[in-house]
Each structure stands twice: as structure tokens, then as C-alpha cells.
Full PDB file with SEQRES, HELIX, SHEET, SSBOND, CRYST1, ORIGX, SCALE, CONECT and MASTER records, all heavy atoms in Angstrom:
SEQRES   1 A   42  ARG PHE ILE GLU ASN ASP ILE ASP LYS LYS ILE SER LEU          
SEQRES   2 A   42  SER GLU LEU ARG LYS MET LYS LEU GLU GLU ILE LYS GLU          
SEQRES   3 A   42  LEU ILE GLY LYS ASN LYS LYS GLU LYS ILE LEU LYS SER          
SEQRES   4 A   42  VAL ILE ASN                                                  
HELIX    1 AA1 LEU A   13  LYS A   18  1                                   6    
HELIX    2 AA2 LEU A   21  LYS A   30  1                                  10    
HELIX    3 AA3 GLU A   34  ILE A   41  1                                   8    
CRYST1    1.000    1.000    1.000  90.00  90.00  90.00 P 1           1          
ORIGX1      1.000000  0.000000  0.000000        0.00000                         
ORIGX2      0.000000  1.000000  0.000000        0.00000                         
ORIGX3      0.000000  0.000000  1.000000        0.00000                         
SCALE1      1.000000  0.000000  0.000000        0.00000                         
SCALE2      0.000000  1.000000  0.000000        0.00000                         
SCALE3      0.000000  0.000000  1.000000        0.00000                         
ATOM      1  N   ARG A   1      76.354 114.932 114.981  1.00  0.00           N  
ATOM      2  CA  ARG A   1      75.846 115.647 113.827  1.00  0.00           C  
ATOM      3  C   ARG A   1      76.639 116.986 113.553  1.00  0.00           C  
ATOM      4  O   ARG A   1      76.538 117.602 112.510  1.00  0.00           O  
ATOM      5  CB  ARG A   1      74.344 115.910 113.900  1.00  0.00           C  
ATOM      6  CG  ARG A   1      73.870 116.887 114.917  1.00  0.00           C  
ATOM      7  CD  ARG A   1      72.296 116.917 114.924  1.00  0.00           C  
ATOM      8  NE  ARG A   1      71.854 117.870 115.926  1.00  0.00           N  
ATOM      9  CZ  ARG A   1      71.349 119.149 115.661  1.00  0.00           C  
ATOM     10  NH1 ARG A   1      71.556 119.498 114.442  1.00  0.00           N  
ATOM     11  NH2 ARG A   1      70.960 119.888 116.626  1.00  0.00           N  
ATOM     12  N   PHE A   2      77.379 117.379 114.530  1.00  0.00           N  
ATOM     13  CA  PHE A   2      78.204 118.710 114.454  1.00  0.00           C  
ATOM     14  C   PHE A   2      79.708 118.377 114.047  1.00  0.00           C  
ATOM     15  O   PHE A   2      80.356 119.258 113.867  1.00  0.00           O  
ATOM     16  CB  PHE A   2      78.164 119.362 115.748  1.00  0.00           C  
ATOM     17  CG  PHE A   2      76.856 119.894 116.170  1.00  0.00           C  
ATOM     18  CD1 PHE A   2      76.255 119.277 117.358  1.00  0.00           C  
ATOM     19  CD2 PHE A   2      76.026 120.655 115.553  1.00  0.00           C  
ATOM     20  CE1 PHE A   2      75.054 119.611 117.775  1.00  0.00           C  
ATOM     21  CE2 PHE A   2      74.775 121.061 115.912  1.00  0.00           C  
ATOM     22  CZ  PHE A   2      74.242 120.367 117.137  1.00  0.00           C  
ATOM     23  N   ILE A   3      79.989 117.056 114.004  1.00  0.00           N  
ATOM     24  CA  ILE A   3      81.378 116.623 113.655  1.00  0.00           C  
ATOM     25  C   ILE A   3      81.466 116.224 112.195  1.00  0.00           C  
ATOM     26  O   ILE A   3      80.744 115.215 111.625  1.00  0.00           O  
ATOM     27  CB  ILE A   3      81.838 115.460 114.563  1.00  0.00           C  
ATOM     28  CG1 ILE A   3      81.538 115.892 116.033  1.00  0.00           C  
ATOM     29  CG2 ILE A   3      83.238 115.175 114.334  1.00  0.00           C  
ATOM     30  CD1 ILE A   3      82.182 117.032 116.580  1.00  0.00           C  
ATOM     31  N   GLU A   4      82.414 116.819 111.531  1.00  0.00           N  
ATOM     32  CA  GLU A   4      82.571 116.419 110.079  1.00  0.00           C  
ATOM     33  C   GLU A   4      83.340 115.094 109.984  1.00  0.00           C  
ATOM     34  O   GLU A   4      84.417 114.857 110.674  1.00  0.00           O  
ATOM     35  CB  GLU A   4      83.503 117.466 109.287  1.00  0.00           C  
ATOM     36  CG  GLU A   4      83.760 117.201 107.849  1.00  0.00           C  
ATOM     37  CD  GLU A   4      84.549 118.216 107.163  1.00  0.00           C  
ATOM     38  OE1 GLU A   4      84.795 119.261 107.723  1.00  0.00           O  
ATOM     39  OE2 GLU A   4      84.921 118.070 105.999  1.00  0.00           O  
ATOM     40  N   ASN A   5      82.818 114.201 109.170  1.00  0.00           N  
ATOM     41  CA  ASN A   5      83.521 112.803 109.037  1.00  0.00           C  
ATOM     42  C   ASN A   5      84.622 112.919 108.017  1.00  0.00           C  
ATOM     43  O   ASN A   5      84.410 112.962 106.933  1.00  0.00           O  
ATOM     44  CB  ASN A   5      82.355 111.861 108.673  1.00  0.00           C  
ATOM     45  CG  ASN A   5      82.880 110.381 108.587  1.00  0.00           C  
ATOM     46  OD1 ASN A   5      84.108 110.194 108.795  1.00  0.00           O  
ATOM     47  ND2 ASN A   5      82.072 109.504 108.228  1.00  0.00           N  
ATOM     48  N   ASP A   6      85.862 112.827 108.557  1.00  0.00           N  
ATOM     49  CA  ASP A   6      87.032 112.737 107.682  1.00  0.00           C  
ATOM     50  C   ASP A   6      87.704 111.361 107.843  1.00  0.00           C  
ATOM     51  O   ASP A   6      88.906 111.244 107.372  1.00  0.00           O  
ATOM     52  CB  ASP A   6      87.876 113.962 107.943  1.00  0.00           C  
ATOM     53  CG  ASP A   6      88.589 113.892 109.283  1.00  0.00           C  
ATOM     54  OD1 ASP A   6      88.031 113.199 110.063  1.00  0.00           O  
ATOM     55  OD2 ASP A   6      89.604 114.589 109.418  1.00  0.00           O  
ATOM     56  N   ILE A   7      87.146 110.435 108.631  1.00  0.00           N  
ATOM     57  CA  ILE A   7      87.797 109.227 108.878  1.00  0.00           C  
ATOM     58  C   ILE A   7      87.107 108.018 108.161  1.00  0.00           C  
ATOM     59  O   ILE A   7      87.687 107.424 107.212  1.00  0.00           O  
ATOM     60  CB  ILE A   7      87.917 108.913 110.328  1.00  0.00           C  
ATOM     61  CG1 ILE A   7      88.691 109.973 111.082  1.00  0.00           C  
ATOM     62  CG2 ILE A   7      88.471 107.473 110.633  1.00  0.00           C  
ATOM     63  CD1 ILE A   7      88.660 109.885 112.535  1.00  0.00           C  
ATOM     64  N   ASP A   8      85.845 107.875 108.489  1.00  0.00           N  
ATOM     65  CA  ASP A   8      85.078 106.749 108.028  1.00  0.00           C  
ATOM     66  C   ASP A   8      84.094 107.238 106.854  1.00  0.00           C  
ATOM     67  O   ASP A   8      82.779 107.074 107.020  1.00  0.00           O  
ATOM     68  CB  ASP A   8      84.195 106.071 109.121  1.00  0.00           C  
ATOM     69  CG  ASP A   8      83.642 104.784 108.628  1.00  0.00           C  
ATOM     70  OD1 ASP A   8      84.009 104.187 107.642  1.00  0.00           O  
ATOM     71  OD2 ASP A   8      82.671 104.388 109.378  1.00  0.00           O  
ATOM     72  N   LYS A   9      84.693 107.773 105.819  1.00  0.00           N  
ATOM     73  CA  LYS A   9      83.894 108.431 104.791  1.00  0.00           C  
ATOM     74  C   LYS A   9      83.543 107.351 103.722  1.00  0.00           C  
ATOM     75  O   LYS A   9      84.445 106.622 103.201  1.00  0.00           O  
ATOM     76  CB  LYS A   9      84.497 109.507 104.197  1.00  0.00           C  
ATOM     77  CG  LYS A   9      83.654 110.399 103.169  1.00  0.00           C  
ATOM     78  CD  LYS A   9      84.318 111.549 102.605  1.00  0.00           C  
ATOM     79  CE  LYS A   9      83.387 112.313 101.798  1.00  0.00           C  
ATOM     80  NZ  LYS A   9      84.085 113.622 101.121  1.00  0.00           N  
ATOM     81  N   LYS A  10      82.251 107.146 103.419  1.00  0.00           N  
ATOM     82  CA  LYS A  10      81.697 106.297 102.405  1.00  0.00           C  
ATOM     83  C   LYS A  10      81.603 106.892 101.068  1.00  0.00           C  
ATOM     84  O   LYS A  10      81.155 108.063 100.990  1.00  0.00           O  
ATOM     85  CB  LYS A  10      80.442 105.566 102.833  1.00  0.00           C  
ATOM     86  CG  LYS A  10      80.638 104.769 104.124  1.00  0.00           C  
ATOM     87  CD  LYS A  10      79.313 104.041 104.497  1.00  0.00           C  
ATOM     88  CE  LYS A  10      79.401 103.150 105.774  1.00  0.00           C  
ATOM     89  NZ  LYS A  10      78.179 102.578 106.227  1.00  0.00           N  
ATOM     90  N   ILE A  11      82.129 106.170 100.059  1.00  0.00           N  
ATOM     91  CA  ILE A  11      81.996 106.737  98.760  1.00  0.00           C  
ATOM     92  C   ILE A  11      80.729 106.206  98.048  1.00  0.00           C  
ATOM     93  O   ILE A  11      80.533 104.860  97.930  1.00  0.00           O  
ATOM     94  CB  ILE A  11      83.232 106.382  97.867  1.00  0.00           C  
ATOM     95  CG1 ILE A  11      84.561 106.920  98.592  1.00  0.00           C  
ATOM     96  CG2 ILE A  11      83.139 107.084  96.479  1.00  0.00           C  
ATOM     97  CD1 ILE A  11      84.550 108.335  98.951  1.00  0.00           C  
ATOM     98  N   SER A  12      79.815 106.942  97.632  1.00  0.00           N  
ATOM     99  CA  SER A  12      78.608 106.576  97.035  1.00  0.00           C  
ATOM    100  C   SER A  12      78.860 106.134  95.504  1.00  0.00           C  
ATOM    101  O   SER A  12      79.860 106.617  94.973  1.00  0.00           O  
ATOM    102  CB  SER A  12      77.497 107.677  97.025  1.00  0.00           C  
ATOM    103  OG  SER A  12      77.983 108.726  96.197  1.00  0.00           O  
ATOM    104  N   LEU A  13      78.037 105.288  95.000  1.00  0.00           N  
ATOM    105  CA  LEU A  13      78.165 104.899  93.627  1.00  0.00           C  
ATOM    106  C   LEU A  13      78.130 105.944  92.576  1.00  0.00           C  
ATOM    107  O   LEU A  13      78.916 105.950  91.642  1.00  0.00           O  
ATOM    108  CB  LEU A  13      77.040 103.884  93.299  1.00  0.00           C  
ATOM    109  CG  LEU A  13      77.300 102.406  93.950  1.00  0.00           C  
ATOM    110  CD1 LEU A  13      76.036 101.614  93.710  1.00  0.00           C  
ATOM    111  CD2 LEU A  13      78.534 101.711  93.345  1.00  0.00           C  
ATOM    112  N   SER A  14      77.227 106.918  92.866  1.00  0.00           N  
ATOM    113  CA  SER A  14      77.011 108.113  92.146  1.00  0.00           C  
ATOM    114  C   SER A  14      78.312 108.962  92.003  1.00  0.00           C  
ATOM    115  O   SER A  14      78.727 109.546  90.971  1.00  0.00           O  
ATOM    116  CB  SER A  14      75.919 108.994  92.462  1.00  0.00           C  
ATOM    117  OG  SER A  14      76.050 109.498  93.903  1.00  0.00           O  
ATOM    118  N   GLU A  15      78.962 109.021  93.139  1.00  0.00           N  
ATOM    119  CA  GLU A  15      80.283 109.803  93.136  1.00  0.00           C  
ATOM    120  C   GLU A  15      81.423 109.007  92.339  1.00  0.00           C  
ATOM    121  O   GLU A  15      82.106 109.625  91.711  1.00  0.00           O  
ATOM    122  CB  GLU A  15      80.747 109.974  94.574  1.00  0.00           C  
ATOM    123  CG  GLU A  15      79.931 110.950  95.317  1.00  0.00           C  
ATOM    124  CD  GLU A  15      80.321 111.064  96.888  1.00  0.00           C  
ATOM    125  OE1 GLU A  15      80.412 109.951  97.554  1.00  0.00           O  
ATOM    126  OE2 GLU A  15      80.580 112.207  97.311  1.00  0.00           O  
ATOM    127  N   LEU A  16      81.330 107.766  92.560  1.00  0.00           N  
ATOM    128  CA  LEU A  16      82.341 106.838  91.868  1.00  0.00           C  
ATOM    129  C   LEU A  16      82.194 106.840  90.368  1.00  0.00           C  
ATOM    130  O   LEU A  16      83.191 106.880  89.589  1.00  0.00           O  
ATOM    131  CB  LEU A  16      82.314 105.473  92.337  1.00  0.00           C  
ATOM    132  CG  LEU A  16      83.016 105.087  93.717  1.00  0.00           C  
ATOM    133  CD1 LEU A  16      82.599 103.739  94.215  1.00  0.00           C  
ATOM    134  CD2 LEU A  16      84.520 105.350  93.636  1.00  0.00           C  
ATOM    135  N   ARG A  17      80.891 107.046  89.900  1.00  0.00           N  
ATOM    136  CA  ARG A  17      80.578 106.997  88.433  1.00  0.00           C  
ATOM    137  C   ARG A  17      81.156 108.233  87.797  1.00  0.00           C  
ATOM    138  O   ARG A  17      81.628 108.203  86.733  1.00  0.00           O  
ATOM    139  CB  ARG A  17      79.111 106.997  88.202  1.00  0.00           C  
ATOM    140  CG  ARG A  17      78.514 105.560  88.485  1.00  0.00           C  
ATOM    141  CD  ARG A  17      77.162 105.402  87.993  1.00  0.00           C  
ATOM    142  NE  ARG A  17      76.467 104.171  88.254  1.00  0.00           N  
ATOM    143  CZ  ARG A  17      75.610 104.102  89.304  1.00  0.00           C  
ATOM    144  NH1 ARG A  17      75.243 105.055  90.108  1.00  0.00           N  
ATOM    145  NH2 ARG A  17      75.044 102.919  89.518  1.00  0.00           N  
ATOM    146  N   LYS A  18      81.228 109.358  88.521  1.00  0.00           N  
ATOM    147  CA  LYS A  18      81.735 110.571  88.071  1.00  0.00           C  
ATOM    148  C   LYS A  18      83.263 110.687  88.024  1.00  0.00           C  
ATOM    149  O   LYS A  18      83.929 111.538  87.439  1.00  0.00           O  
ATOM    150  CB  LYS A  18      81.104 111.696  88.868  1.00  0.00           C  
ATOM    151  CG  LYS A  18      79.704 111.880  88.781  1.00  0.00           C  
ATOM    152  CD  LYS A  18      79.148 112.950  89.673  1.00  0.00           C  
ATOM    153  CE  LYS A  18      77.721 113.024  89.693  1.00  0.00           C  
ATOM    154  NZ  LYS A  18      77.129 114.044  90.567  1.00  0.00           N  
ATOM    155  N   MET A  19      83.943 109.827  88.895  1.00  0.00           N  
ATOM    156  CA  MET A  19      85.442 109.832  89.058  1.00  0.00           C  
ATOM    157  C   MET A  19      86.033 108.990  87.836  1.00  0.00           C  
ATOM    158  O   MET A  19      85.592 108.110  87.400  1.00  0.00           O  
ATOM    159  CB  MET A  19      85.768 109.195  90.311  1.00  0.00           C  
ATOM    160  CG  MET A  19      85.292 110.007  91.580  1.00  0.00           C  
ATOM    161  SD  MET A  19      85.513 109.180  93.157  1.00  0.00           S  
ATOM    162  CE  MET A  19      87.368 109.277  93.200  1.00  0.00           C  
ATOM    163  N   LYS A  20      87.284 109.594  87.481  1.00  0.00           N  
ATOM    164  CA  LYS A  20      88.055 108.959  86.478  1.00  0.00           C  
ATOM    165  C   LYS A  20      88.977 107.862  87.157  1.00  0.00           C  
ATOM    166  O   LYS A  20      89.002 107.884  88.424  1.00  0.00           O  
ATOM    167  CB  LYS A  20      89.080 110.056  85.867  1.00  0.00           C  
ATOM    168  CG  LYS A  20      88.380 111.037  85.172  1.00  0.00           C  
ATOM    169  CD  LYS A  20      89.298 112.022  84.455  1.00  0.00           C  
ATOM    170  CE  LYS A  20      88.618 113.284  83.636  1.00  0.00           C  
ATOM    171  NZ  LYS A  20      89.422 114.174  83.233  1.00  0.00           N  
ATOM    172  N   LEU A  21      89.351 106.880  86.445  1.00  0.00           N  
ATOM    173  CA  LEU A  21      90.165 105.868  87.021  1.00  0.00           C  
ATOM    174  C   LEU A  21      91.343 106.265  87.734  1.00  0.00           C  
ATOM    175  O   LEU A  21      91.647 105.813  88.770  1.00  0.00           O  
ATOM    176  CB  LEU A  21      90.626 104.880  85.809  1.00  0.00           C  
ATOM    177  CG  LEU A  21      91.456 103.620  86.266  1.00  0.00           C  
ATOM    178  CD1 LEU A  21      90.613 102.837  87.208  1.00  0.00           C  
ATOM    179  CD2 LEU A  21      91.976 102.868  85.070  1.00  0.00           C  
ATOM    180  N   GLU A  22      92.044 107.417  87.222  1.00  0.00           N  
ATOM    181  CA  GLU A  22      93.224 107.913  87.931  1.00  0.00           C  
ATOM    182  C   GLU A  22      92.777 108.503  89.206  1.00  0.00           C  
ATOM    183  O   GLU A  22      93.536 108.441  90.303  1.00  0.00           O  
ATOM    184  CB  GLU A  22      93.839 109.020  87.170  1.00  0.00           C  
ATOM    185  CG  GLU A  22      94.553 108.529  85.779  1.00  0.00           C  
ATOM    186  CD  GLU A  22      93.446 108.347  84.639  1.00  0.00           C  
ATOM    187  OE1 GLU A  22      92.295 108.698  84.808  1.00  0.00           O  
ATOM    188  OE2 GLU A  22      93.920 107.636  83.692  1.00  0.00           O  
ATOM    189  N   GLU A  23      91.574 109.090  89.332  1.00  0.00           N  
ATOM    190  CA  GLU A  23      91.107 109.654  90.609  1.00  0.00           C  
ATOM    191  C   GLU A  23      90.832 108.599  91.615  1.00  0.00           C  
ATOM    192  O   GLU A  23      91.028 108.783  92.831  1.00  0.00           O  
ATOM    193  CB  GLU A  23      89.842 110.508  90.327  1.00  0.00           C  
ATOM    194  CG  GLU A  23      90.132 111.797  89.518  1.00  0.00           C  
ATOM    195  CD  GLU A  23      88.811 112.508  89.177  1.00  0.00           C  
ATOM    196  OE1 GLU A  23      87.793 111.917  88.992  1.00  0.00           O  
ATOM    197  OE2 GLU A  23      88.884 113.775  89.307  1.00  0.00           O  
ATOM    198  N   ILE A  24      90.220 107.460  91.131  1.00  0.00           N  
ATOM    199  CA  ILE A  24      89.906 106.319  92.003  1.00  0.00           C  
ATOM    200  C   ILE A  24      91.209 105.772  92.607  1.00  0.00           C  
ATOM    201  O   ILE A  24      91.373 105.543  93.694  1.00  0.00           O  
ATOM    202  CB  ILE A  24      89.186 105.273  91.274  1.00  0.00           C  
ATOM    203  CG1 ILE A  24      87.705 105.764  90.926  1.00  0.00           C  
ATOM    204  CG2 ILE A  24      89.010 103.898  92.124  1.00  0.00           C  
ATOM    205  CD1 ILE A  24      86.991 104.743  90.135  1.00  0.00           C  
ATOM    206  N   LYS A  25      92.257 105.598  91.779  1.00  0.00           N  
ATOM    207  CA  LYS A  25      93.543 105.135  92.213  1.00  0.00           C  
ATOM    208  C   LYS A  25      94.192 106.108  93.148  1.00  0.00           C  
ATOM    209  O   LYS A  25      94.741 105.611  94.117  1.00  0.00           O  
ATOM    210  CB  LYS A  25      94.516 105.072  90.924  1.00  0.00           C  
ATOM    211  CG  LYS A  25      94.238 103.925  89.979  1.00  0.00           C  
ATOM    212  CD  LYS A  25      95.256 103.832  88.816  1.00  0.00           C  
ATOM    213  CE  LYS A  25      94.842 102.605  87.881  1.00  0.00           C  
ATOM    214  NZ  LYS A  25      95.850 102.640  86.783  1.00  0.00           N  
ATOM    215  N   GLU A  26      93.997 107.429  93.017  1.00  0.00           N  
ATOM    216  CA  GLU A  26      94.523 108.320  93.819  1.00  0.00           C  
ATOM    217  C   GLU A  26      93.892 108.330  95.221  1.00  0.00           C  
ATOM    218  O   GLU A  26      94.414 108.352  96.291  1.00  0.00           O  
ATOM    219  CB  GLU A  26      94.415 109.790  93.263  1.00  0.00           C  
ATOM    220  CG  GLU A  26      95.075 110.947  94.165  1.00  0.00           C  
ATOM    221  CD  GLU A  26      94.859 112.245  93.454  1.00  0.00           C  
ATOM    222  OE1 GLU A  26      94.476 112.335  92.337  1.00  0.00           O  
ATOM    223  OE2 GLU A  26      95.151 113.218  94.268  1.00  0.00           O  
ATOM    224  N   LEU A  27      92.562 108.080  95.278  1.00  0.00           N  
ATOM    225  CA  LEU A  27      91.692 107.962  96.357  1.00  0.00           C  
ATOM    226  C   LEU A  27      92.206 106.751  97.155  1.00  0.00           C  
ATOM    227  O   LEU A  27      92.374 106.864  98.370  1.00  0.00           O  
ATOM    228  CB  LEU A  27      90.328 107.820  96.038  1.00  0.00           C  
ATOM    229  CG  LEU A  27      89.315 107.593  97.223  1.00  0.00           C  
ATOM    230  CD1 LEU A  27      89.254 108.828  98.107  1.00  0.00           C  
ATOM    231  CD2 LEU A  27      87.924 107.258  96.610  1.00  0.00           C  
ATOM    232  N   ILE A  28      92.442 105.627  96.488  1.00  0.00           N  
ATOM    233  CA  ILE A  28      92.842 104.373  97.204  1.00  0.00           C  
ATOM    234  C   ILE A  28      94.187 104.666  97.763  1.00  0.00           C  
ATOM    235  O   ILE A  28      94.568 104.212  98.834  1.00  0.00           O  
ATOM    236  CB  ILE A  28      92.832 103.188  96.185  1.00  0.00           C  
ATOM    237  CG1 ILE A  28      91.369 102.897  95.802  1.00  0.00           C  
ATOM    238  CG2 ILE A  28      93.542 102.001  96.832  1.00  0.00           C  
ATOM    239  CD1 ILE A  28      91.255 101.896  94.647  1.00  0.00           C  
ATOM    240  N   GLY A  29      95.031 105.376  97.039  1.00  0.00           N  
ATOM    241  CA  GLY A  29      96.405 105.521  97.495  1.00  0.00           C  
ATOM    242  C   GLY A  29      96.383 106.440  98.717  1.00  0.00           C  
ATOM    243  O   GLY A  29      97.231 106.289  99.635  1.00  0.00           O  
ATOM    244  N   LYS A  30      95.565 107.525  98.848  1.00  0.00           N  
ATOM    245  CA  LYS A  30      95.596 108.389  99.898  1.00  0.00           C  
ATOM    246  C   LYS A  30      94.955 107.757 101.181  1.00  0.00           C  
ATOM    247  O   LYS A  30      95.201 107.957 102.210  1.00  0.00           O  
ATOM    248  CB  LYS A  30      94.642 109.593  99.651  1.00  0.00           C  
ATOM    249  CG  LYS A  30      95.472 110.594  98.703  1.00  0.00           C  
ATOM    250  CD  LYS A  30      94.487 111.843  98.500  1.00  0.00           C  
ATOM    251  CE  LYS A  30      95.278 112.837  97.626  1.00  0.00           C  
ATOM    252  NZ  LYS A  30      94.414 114.148  97.327  1.00  0.00           N  
ATOM    253  N   ASN A  31      93.927 106.893 100.970  1.00  0.00           N  
ATOM    254  CA  ASN A  31      93.156 106.263 102.152  1.00  0.00           C  
ATOM    255  C   ASN A  31      92.955 104.846 101.858  1.00  0.00           C  
ATOM    256  O   ASN A  31      92.080 104.534 101.025  1.00  0.00           O  
ATOM    257  CB  ASN A  31      91.928 106.944 102.321  1.00  0.00           C  
ATOM    258  CG  ASN A  31      91.271 106.671 103.633  1.00  0.00           C  
ATOM    259  OD1 ASN A  31      91.622 105.613 104.190  1.00  0.00           O  
ATOM    260  ND2 ASN A  31      90.372 107.528 104.197  1.00  0.00           N  
ATOM    261  N   LYS A  32      93.763 103.958 102.400  1.00  0.00           N  
ATOM    262  CA  LYS A  32      93.684 102.454 102.089  1.00  0.00           C  
ATOM    263  C   LYS A  32      92.805 101.808 103.052  1.00  0.00           C  
ATOM    264  O   LYS A  32      92.840 100.694 103.280  1.00  0.00           O  
ATOM    265  CB  LYS A  32      95.041 101.985 102.177  1.00  0.00           C  
ATOM    266  CG  LYS A  32      95.887 102.386 100.940  1.00  0.00           C  
ATOM    267  CD  LYS A  32      97.195 101.667 100.953  1.00  0.00           C  
ATOM    268  CE  LYS A  32      98.116 102.136  99.811  1.00  0.00           C  
ATOM    269  NZ  LYS A  32      99.400 101.521  99.687  1.00  0.00           N  
ATOM    270  N   LYS A  33      91.889 102.493 103.716  1.00  0.00           N  
ATOM    271  CA  LYS A  33      91.003 101.895 104.780  1.00  0.00           C  
ATOM    272  C   LYS A  33      90.182 100.880 103.997  1.00  0.00           C  
ATOM    273  O   LYS A  33      89.692 101.050 102.956  1.00  0.00           O  
ATOM    274  CB  LYS A  33      90.188 102.939 105.483  1.00  0.00           C  
ATOM    275  CG  LYS A  33      91.003 103.735 106.470  1.00  0.00           C  
ATOM    276  CD  LYS A  33      89.986 104.600 107.278  1.00  0.00           C  
ATOM    277  CE  LYS A  33      90.858 105.186 108.433  1.00  0.00           C  
ATOM    278  NZ  LYS A  33      91.258 104.374 109.430  1.00  0.00           N  
ATOM    279  N   GLU A  34      89.897  99.890 104.657  1.00  0.00           N  
ATOM    280  CA  GLU A  34      89.136  98.667 104.148  1.00  0.00           C  
ATOM    281  C   GLU A  34      87.785  99.051 103.567  1.00  0.00           C  
ATOM    282  O   GLU A  34      87.361  98.593 102.572  1.00  0.00           O  
ATOM    283  CB  GLU A  34      88.905  97.741 105.279  1.00  0.00           C  
ATOM    284  CG  GLU A  34      88.243  96.333 104.803  1.00  0.00           C  
ATOM    285  CD  GLU A  34      88.148  95.408 105.892  1.00  0.00           C  
ATOM    286  OE1 GLU A  34      88.714  95.595 106.984  1.00  0.00           O  
ATOM    287  OE2 GLU A  34      87.508  94.255 105.631  1.00  0.00           O  
ATOM    288  N   LYS A  35      87.011  99.944 104.272  1.00  0.00           N  
ATOM    289  CA  LYS A  35      85.691 100.348 103.850  1.00  0.00           C  
ATOM    290  C   LYS A  35      85.605 100.965 102.419  1.00  0.00           C  
ATOM    291  O   LYS A  35      84.775 100.798 101.727  1.00  0.00           O  
ATOM    292  CB  LYS A  35      85.023 101.166 104.889  1.00  0.00           C  
ATOM    293  CG  LYS A  35      84.643 100.391 106.120  1.00  0.00           C  
ATOM    294  CD  LYS A  35      83.704 101.065 107.067  1.00  0.00           C  
ATOM    295  CE  LYS A  35      83.401 100.355 108.260  1.00  0.00           C  
ATOM    296  NZ  LYS A  35      82.565 101.013 109.222  1.00  0.00           N  
ATOM    297  N   ILE A  36      86.742 101.834 102.240  1.00  0.00           N  
ATOM    298  CA  ILE A  36      86.713 102.561 100.950  1.00  0.00           C  
ATOM    299  C   ILE A  36      87.062 101.535  99.828  1.00  0.00           C  
ATOM    300  O   ILE A  36      86.461 101.565  98.722  1.00  0.00           O  
ATOM    301  CB  ILE A  36      87.705 103.687 101.036  1.00  0.00           C  
ATOM    302  CG1 ILE A  36      87.381 104.849 101.900  1.00  0.00           C  
ATOM    303  CG2 ILE A  36      87.976 104.192  99.571  1.00  0.00           C  
ATOM    304  CD1 ILE A  36      88.112 105.879 102.003  1.00  0.00           C  
ATOM    305  N   LEU A  37      88.001 100.649 100.068  1.00  0.00           N  
ATOM    306  CA  LEU A  37      88.295  99.635  99.206  1.00  0.00           C  
ATOM    307  C   LEU A  37      87.125  98.706  98.823  1.00  0.00           C  
ATOM    308  O   LEU A  37      86.912  98.389  97.641  1.00  0.00           O  
ATOM    309  CB  LEU A  37      89.459  98.748  99.736  1.00  0.00           C  
ATOM    310  CG  LEU A  37      90.864  99.381  99.838  1.00  0.00           C  
ATOM    311  CD1 LEU A  37      91.820  98.535 100.588  1.00  0.00           C  
ATOM    312  CD2 LEU A  37      91.381  99.659  98.404  1.00  0.00           C  
ATOM    313  N   LYS A  38      86.360  98.369  99.891  1.00  0.00           N  
ATOM    314  CA  LYS A  38      85.237  97.622  99.634  1.00  0.00           C  
ATOM    315  C   LYS A  38      84.123  98.350  98.702  1.00  0.00           C  
ATOM    316  O   LYS A  38      83.427  97.691  97.947  1.00  0.00           O  
ATOM    317  CB  LYS A  38      84.530  97.292 101.018  1.00  0.00           C  
ATOM    318  CG  LYS A  38      85.201  96.106 101.802  1.00  0.00           C  
ATOM    319  CD  LYS A  38      84.443  95.811 103.030  1.00  0.00           C  
ATOM    320  CE  LYS A  38      85.151  94.676 103.763  1.00  0.00           C  
ATOM    321  NZ  LYS A  38      84.381  94.197 104.991  1.00  0.00           N  
ATOM    322  N   SER A  39      84.015  99.697  98.893  1.00  0.00           N  
ATOM    323  CA  SER A  39      83.115 100.470  98.062  1.00  0.00           C  
ATOM    324  C   SER A  39      83.523 100.306  96.693  1.00  0.00           C  
ATOM    325  O   SER A  39      82.681 100.194  95.767  1.00  0.00           O  
ATOM    326  CB  SER A  39      83.122 101.959  98.645  1.00  0.00           C  
ATOM    327  OG  SER A  39      82.721 102.068  99.942  1.00  0.00           O  
ATOM    328  N   VAL A  40      84.887 100.469  96.375  1.00  0.00           N  
ATOM    329  CA  VAL A  40      85.257 100.352  95.025  1.00  0.00           C  
ATOM    330  C   VAL A  40      85.080  98.940  94.455  1.00  0.00           C  
ATOM    331  O   VAL A  40      84.540  98.763  93.403  1.00  0.00           O  
ATOM    332  CB  VAL A  40      86.866 100.635  94.957  1.00  0.00           C  
ATOM    333  CG1 VAL A  40      87.432 100.418  93.518  1.00  0.00           C  
ATOM    334  CG2 VAL A  40      87.076 102.080  95.379  1.00  0.00           C  
ATOM    335  N   ILE A  41      85.461  97.897  95.257  1.00  0.00           N  
ATOM    336  CA  ILE A  41      85.192  96.527  94.848  1.00  0.00           C  
ATOM    337  C   ILE A  41      83.801  96.355  94.528  1.00  0.00           C  
ATOM    338  O   ILE A  41      83.408  95.708  93.580  1.00  0.00           O  
ATOM    339  CB  ILE A  41      85.789  95.510  95.905  1.00  0.00           C  
ATOM    340  CG1 ILE A  41      87.364  95.600  95.959  1.00  0.00           C  
ATOM    341  CG2 ILE A  41      85.507  94.063  95.627  1.00  0.00           C  
ATOM    342  CD1 ILE A  41      87.997  95.045  97.151  1.00  0.00           C  
ATOM    343  N   ASN A  42      82.901  96.706  95.498  1.00  0.00           N  
ATOM    344  CA  ASN A  42      81.544  96.485  95.321  1.00  0.00           C  
ATOM    345  C   ASN A  42      81.012  97.196  94.039  1.00  0.00           C  
ATOM    346  O   ASN A  42      80.086  96.642  93.313  1.00  0.00           O  
ATOM    347  CB  ASN A  42      80.703  97.022  96.595  1.00  0.00           C  
ATOM    348  CG  ASN A  42      80.934  96.136  97.704  1.00  0.00           C  
ATOM    349  OD1 ASN A  42      81.281  95.040  97.596  1.00  0.00           O  
ATOM    350  ND2 ASN A  42      80.646  96.678  98.948  1.00  0.00           N  
TER     351      ASN A  42                                                      
MASTER        0    0    0    3    0    0    0    6  350    1    0    4          
END                                                                             
């Protein structure tokens, strides 16, 4: 609980709704980890 999560960060639907398409593409480009991709796909 004292460690900031900068590795396995999940993106919530509410956050995705506020993001523009370009921002989502940029996010995927910066971090191609499977869990983030799954969040977008879901």
C-alpha cells in the first residue's frame, strides 16, 4: 500500500471514456502490456 503502481496499472472505463482516440493510441504505444490492451478491447 506504500508502493505506487507504475507497472500493472489498470485503466478504468470511466477514464477511457474521457480519453480521446489519439490519447488511447498513445497509451497503447507507450505501454503494450497485455492487460492494458485487454482493457481497451473490453
